[in-house]
Amino acid sequence: MTVATRGVTLRPLDLATDLEMLHAWVTHPRAVFWMMQGASLDDVRAEYASVVASEHHHAWWGSVDGTAAFLAETYDPAHSPLAAHYPVQPGDLGMHVLVAPTETPVHGFTSRVFAAVVQHCFARTGSGDVPTRRVVVEPDVGNQPIAELNARAGFLVEKEIDLPEKRAALSVCTRARFDQSPLRRSTSKEELA
C-alpha cells in the first residue's frame, strides 16, 4: 500500500532496497535521538526486520516529489512500553518520524513531511482496531526541535515518563487539534498556492 499527499509518498519499508540508505540516516550524527549511532548494517537490518515482521509496529519509507526523504513508524501503544505509563485509549496510534539528513536544507520541508505523516496516521487504524483518534509521540525531553514541531502540530505534553532508553515527553494530538494547528494551517496554505 502506498499513500501520497501533496507529493509526499509513504510505502512500507522494503529492507531489500532501502537498507543501505536507512542505515546512513539512522547512524548520522544528526539522528542522535534515534539512538542508533554506531549501529552496523546488520544491526539496522535486525532492528527493522523485527518491525517489518510485527503486526503492531510498522515502518514507512517516505519520498518527497519522488526522492527518498524520511522514515516514519506507526505503532499500537497498547503493545509498546508506553502501555505501562498511560491508559491507552481505543484509536491511539504511536508515531516516529526521521527526516533524512541533508547538507542543503529547504525551508518548510520538515513541516511538510511532518504534516503528511500526521495525516497518514489519522488515516490508519489505531489501538483496538479503531480508526485513529489520537496520535501519540514520546520524544526525548532534550530534543527541543521536535518538541517545537510537535507543539506546532497540535500535540500537548501529557507528562514526562522514563522509558528504558530515555526520559520522554509523552504527548498526544487529536485530529481537531491537528486541523486547527499552526502547522496544518500553514501546510494547507501551501497546498492552495
Foldseek 3Di string as FASTA:
>chain_A
DWDDDQQKIKDFDDCVPCLVQVVCQCQDPVNVQSVQNPPDSVRSVVVVVVQVPDPFKTKIFIDGNPHGWKIKMKGACCPDPCVVPDPRDFQEIEMDMGTGDDPDDDPCPVLLNVLVVVVVQQCAGYPPRHRHFKYKYWGAPPPVVVVVSCVQQQWDFPAWDDDPVHTTRIIMHGPVSRCPGNSNVVVVVVVVD
